[in-house]
Protein backbone atom coordinates (compact mmCIF):
# COMPACT_ATOMS: atom_id res chain seq x y z
CA MET A 1 -156.71 309.34 -50.97
CA ILE A 2 -155.27 306.77 -48.57
CA GLU A 3 -154.26 308.03 -45.14
CA LEU A 4 -152.86 306.13 -42.18
CA ASP A 5 -152.83 308.30 -39.10
CA ASP A 6 -150.50 306.90 -36.43
CA ILE A 7 -151.88 303.36 -36.75
CA SER A 8 -150.63 300.49 -34.63
CA ILE A 9 -151.19 296.84 -35.60
CA ARG A 10 -150.44 293.63 -33.74
CA SER A 11 -150.24 290.15 -35.29
CA GLY A 12 -149.10 287.57 -32.74
CA SER A 13 -145.64 288.64 -31.59
CA PHE A 14 -145.31 291.02 -34.56
CA GLU A 15 -146.23 294.66 -34.11
CA LEU A 16 -146.13 297.91 -36.06
CA ARG A 17 -146.41 301.08 -33.99
CA ARG A 18 -147.61 304.56 -34.96
CA VAL A 19 -147.27 304.16 -38.71
CA SER A 20 -148.39 307.06 -40.91
CA LEU A 21 -148.88 307.39 -44.66
CA SER A 22 -150.58 309.71 -47.14
CA ILE A 23 -151.19 308.79 -50.79
CA PRO A 24 -153.01 311.47 -52.84
CA ALA A 25 -156.13 310.56 -54.78
CA GLY A 26 -155.42 309.11 -58.22
CA SER A 27 -151.79 308.21 -57.44
CA TYR A 28 -150.11 304.88 -58.20
CA ALA A 29 -147.93 304.15 -55.17
CA VAL A 30 -145.58 301.19 -54.90
CA LEU A 31 -144.71 299.86 -51.44
CA MET A 32 -141.36 298.10 -51.03
CA GLY A 33 -139.51 296.70 -48.04
CA ALA A 34 -137.60 293.68 -46.85
CA THR A 35 -139.35 290.38 -46.22
CA GLY A 36 -141.27 290.21 -42.94
CA GLN A 37 -141.45 293.96 -42.34
CA GLY A 38 -145.27 294.11 -42.41
CA LYS A 39 -146.25 295.18 -45.95
CA THR A 40 -149.14 292.72 -46.22
CA THR A 41 -150.25 293.63 -42.69
CA ILE A 42 -150.54 297.27 -43.78
CA LEU A 43 -152.67 296.36 -46.80
CA GLU A 44 -154.91 294.21 -44.62
CA ALA A 45 -155.34 297.08 -42.16
CA ILE A 46 -156.39 299.43 -44.96
CA CYS A 47 -158.98 297.05 -46.39
CA GLY A 48 -160.30 295.97 -42.98
CA LEU A 49 -158.97 292.42 -42.76
CA ARG A 50 -156.64 293.35 -39.90
CA THR A 51 -157.83 295.26 -36.82
CA VAL A 52 -155.76 298.28 -35.87
CA THR A 53 -155.06 298.74 -32.17
CA GLY A 54 -154.49 302.48 -32.41
CA GLY A 55 -154.76 305.36 -34.85
CA ARG A 56 -157.06 305.82 -37.84
CA VAL A 57 -157.47 304.62 -41.42
CA LEU A 58 -158.98 307.25 -43.71
CA LEU A 59 -160.05 306.73 -47.33
CA GLY A 60 -161.13 309.73 -49.35
CA GLY A 61 -161.04 311.77 -46.16
CA VAL A 62 -163.50 309.45 -44.39
CA ASP A 63 -162.54 307.56 -41.22
CA VAL A 64 -163.17 303.88 -42.05
CA THR A 65 -161.22 302.41 -39.12
CA ARG A 66 -164.24 300.59 -37.68
CA ARG A 67 -166.03 299.81 -40.93
CA LYS A 68 -166.40 296.30 -42.31
CA PRO A 69 -164.26 295.43 -45.36
CA ALA A 70 -167.23 295.47 -47.75
CA ASP A 71 -168.13 298.99 -46.63
CA ARG A 72 -164.74 300.59 -47.31
CA GLY A 73 -164.84 300.85 -51.12
CA VAL A 74 -161.55 298.97 -51.45
CA GLY A 75 -160.63 296.44 -54.13
CA TYR A 76 -158.01 293.96 -52.94
CA VAL A 77 -155.85 291.48 -54.86
CA PRO A 78 -154.13 289.25 -52.26
CA GLN A 79 -150.82 287.57 -52.93
CA ASP A 80 -152.37 284.11 -53.39
CA LEU A 81 -155.25 285.60 -55.49
CA ALA A 82 -157.83 283.67 -53.37
CA LEU A 83 -159.83 282.51 -56.39
CA PHE A 84 -162.71 280.17 -55.56
CA PRO A 85 -161.98 276.81 -57.24
CA MET A 86 -165.62 275.87 -57.86
CA MET A 87 -166.53 279.19 -59.49
CA THR A 88 -166.25 280.25 -63.13
CA VAL A 89 -164.53 283.41 -64.32
CA ARG A 90 -167.94 285.03 -64.74
CA GLY A 91 -168.85 284.03 -61.19
CA HIS A 92 -165.75 285.78 -59.86
CA LEU A 93 -166.54 289.01 -61.70
CA GLU A 94 -170.12 288.88 -60.40
CA PHE A 95 -169.15 288.01 -56.82
CA ALA A 96 -168.45 291.45 -55.34
CA LEU A 97 -171.47 292.91 -57.15
CA ARG A 98 -173.82 290.35 -55.62
CA VAL A 99 -172.30 290.85 -52.16
CA ARG A 100 -172.99 294.57 -52.51
CA ARG A 101 -176.53 293.90 -53.76
CA TRP A 102 -176.18 295.42 -57.20
CA PRO A 103 -179.41 295.19 -59.23
CA ALA A 104 -179.44 292.04 -61.35
CA ALA A 105 -179.98 294.13 -64.50
CA ALA A 106 -176.72 296.01 -63.86
CA ILE A 107 -174.50 292.99 -63.17
CA GLY A 108 -174.43 291.50 -66.69
CA PRO A 109 -173.41 294.74 -68.48
CA ARG A 110 -170.72 295.46 -65.86
CA VAL A 111 -169.23 291.97 -66.22
CA THR A 112 -169.17 292.31 -70.03
CA GLU A 113 -167.54 295.75 -69.80
CA LEU A 114 -164.90 294.52 -67.36
CA ALA A 115 -164.13 291.35 -69.31
CA GLN A 116 -163.57 293.40 -72.47
CA GLU A 117 -161.33 295.85 -70.63
CA LEU A 118 -159.18 293.04 -69.18
CA GLY A 119 -159.14 290.89 -72.32
CA ILE A 120 -160.80 287.89 -70.65
CA GLU A 121 -164.14 287.84 -72.48
CA PRO A 122 -163.46 284.39 -74.05
CA LEU A 123 -162.78 282.99 -70.55
CA LEU A 124 -166.05 283.93 -68.85
CA GLY A 125 -167.44 280.39 -68.80
CA ARG A 126 -164.16 278.72 -67.84
CA ASP A 127 -163.40 277.01 -64.54
CA VAL A 128 -160.65 279.04 -62.81
CA ARG A 129 -158.66 275.84 -62.24
CA ARG A 130 -157.99 275.78 -65.98
CA LEU A 131 -156.48 279.26 -66.21
CA SER A 132 -152.86 280.17 -66.85
CA GLY A 133 -151.04 282.33 -64.30
CA GLY A 134 -151.57 285.50 -66.30
CA GLU A 135 -155.26 284.71 -66.86
CA ALA A 136 -155.77 284.06 -63.15
CA GLN A 137 -154.16 287.40 -62.32
CA ARG A 138 -156.54 289.18 -64.70
CA VAL A 139 -159.54 287.47 -63.09
CA ALA A 140 -158.39 288.44 -59.58
CA LEU A 141 -157.91 292.02 -60.77
CA GLY A 142 -161.34 291.99 -62.40
CA ARG A 143 -163.00 290.81 -59.20
CA ALA A 144 -161.27 293.63 -57.28
CA LEU A 145 -162.32 296.25 -59.84
CA SER A 146 -165.84 294.99 -60.48
CA PHE A 147 -167.74 297.26 -58.07
CA ARG A 148 -165.73 300.37 -59.07
CA PRO A 149 -163.78 300.85 -55.82
CA GLN A 150 -162.20 304.15 -54.87
CA VAL A 151 -158.98 302.39 -53.78
CA LEU A 152 -157.10 299.39 -55.21
CA LEU A 153 -154.66 297.38 -53.07
CA MET A 154 -152.45 294.68 -54.61
CA ASP A 155 -150.05 292.35 -52.82
CA GLU A 156 -147.32 291.02 -55.15
CA PRO A 157 -149.87 290.69 -57.99
CA LEU A 158 -147.28 289.71 -60.61
CA ASN A 159 -144.92 287.71 -58.41
CA ALA A 160 -145.21 284.23 -59.96
CA LEU A 161 -145.32 285.24 -63.63
CA ASP A 162 -142.71 284.95 -66.36
CA GLU A 163 -141.11 288.16 -67.57
CA ALA A 164 -143.17 288.51 -70.76
CA THR A 165 -146.47 287.99 -68.94
CA ARG A 166 -145.39 290.38 -66.19
CA ASP A 167 -144.62 293.05 -68.78
CA ARG A 168 -148.04 292.63 -70.42
CA LEU A 169 -149.84 292.88 -67.10
CA CYS A 170 -147.79 295.91 -66.05
CA GLU A 171 -149.00 297.60 -69.22
CA LEU A 172 -152.60 296.57 -68.44
CA LEU A 173 -152.38 297.83 -64.84
CA GLY A 174 -151.06 301.16 -66.06
CA LYS A 175 -153.91 301.53 -68.56
CA VAL A 176 -156.58 300.56 -66.03
CA GLN A 177 -155.27 302.95 -63.39
CA SER A 178 -154.90 305.79 -65.87
CA ALA A 179 -158.43 305.33 -67.21
CA SER A 180 -160.10 304.99 -63.79
CA HIS A 181 -157.90 307.36 -61.74
CA LEU A 182 -157.92 304.78 -58.94
CA THR A 183 -155.79 305.48 -55.90
CA THR A 184 -153.53 302.41 -56.00
CA LEU A 185 -151.10 300.84 -53.52
CA HIS A 186 -149.08 297.97 -55.00
CA VAL A 187 -146.69 295.86 -52.91
CA THR A 188 -143.75 294.45 -54.86
CA HIS A 189 -140.10 293.44 -54.59
CA SER A 190 -139.55 294.13 -58.30
CA ARG A 191 -137.71 297.24 -59.47
CA ALA A 192 -139.08 296.61 -62.98
CA GLU A 193 -142.69 296.75 -61.78
CA ALA A 194 -142.05 299.85 -59.70
CA ARG A 195 -140.22 301.55 -62.55
CA ALA A 196 -143.06 300.82 -64.98
CA LEU A 197 -145.96 301.83 -62.74
CA ALA A 198 -145.10 304.02 -59.76
CA ASP A 199 -145.54 307.74 -59.52
CA ARG A 200 -144.86 307.43 -55.78
CA LEU A 201 -142.42 305.15 -53.97
CA ILE A 202 -143.09 304.15 -50.36
CA VAL A 203 -140.48 302.21 -48.39
CA LEU A 204 -141.19 300.27 -45.19
CA GLU A 205 -138.05 300.24 -43.11
CA GLY A 206 -137.52 299.86 -39.37
CA GLY A 207 -141.25 299.69 -38.75
CA GLN A 208 -141.99 303.05 -40.41
CA LEU A 209 -143.13 304.18 -43.86
CA TYR A 210 -141.06 306.70 -45.81
CA GLU A 211 -141.83 308.29 -49.14
CA ARG A 212 -138.79 308.48 -51.42
CA PRO A 213 -138.30 309.77 -54.95
CA VAL A 214 -139.05 307.11 -57.57
CA ALA A 215 -135.53 307.77 -58.86
CA ASP A 216 -134.22 306.21 -55.62
CA LEU A 217 -135.31 302.76 -56.83
CA GLU A 218 -131.81 302.06 -58.07
CA GLN A 219 -130.36 302.72 -54.60
CA LEU A 220 -132.65 300.37 -52.67
CA PRO A 221 -130.79 297.60 -50.79
CA ASP A 222 -130.92 294.06 -52.16
CA GLU A 223 -133.01 292.72 -49.26
CA MET A 224 -135.97 294.79 -50.52
CA LEU A 225 -135.90 293.14 -53.95
CA GLU A 226 -137.31 289.91 -55.40
CA GLY A 227 -138.36 288.30 -52.12
CA THR A 228 -141.53 286.68 -50.83
CA PRO A 229 -143.16 288.70 -48.04
CA ARG A 230 -144.32 286.74 -45.01
CA ARG A 231 -146.43 289.36 -43.25
């Protein structure tokens, strides 16, 4: 479960005040809103990359507001993927496991399992600078999933992909979430992504979060669709 209890966040002159949200465990929630409303800021607050100035962040019923990012059990795929250019695909899948001090004997089998699940086994030795857009997205997802988080956050994960690749990765995301029962929050401006994946629709509007029926996707205003979020 993801819960935001009256959180306030400040980023320069930008501020969100007393924002609340509740996403049940195992749900796939899509977050939509116009550019610059604070969707990325909310994800960063949940995973610990943005300090909240008021309220609480709870994950699985536990208050994690003051915990470090690595101690929150959150997998995060940022909008720019943040892949390390000097690291191989295997290195990326191992990264979060080494940070969390997994036993060396457990790392290899987990990387093999994950690479098979994501269809990137042939890429394990490849430099990430030689990956296609869809391959890079799979690697970023694999890094986020590697340590078996309880929560997965994704910020426009399919934004720069062609339609066919986006469709394939939507199918993959659905399979991964269904198999793992991860509580997922996915920021997008794409009705197609939301339609394919969401069992809950969250809209950020006027500085507040509102849950709406997934069927309301077709009524969302144009400014919430196919943009590039700035916060």
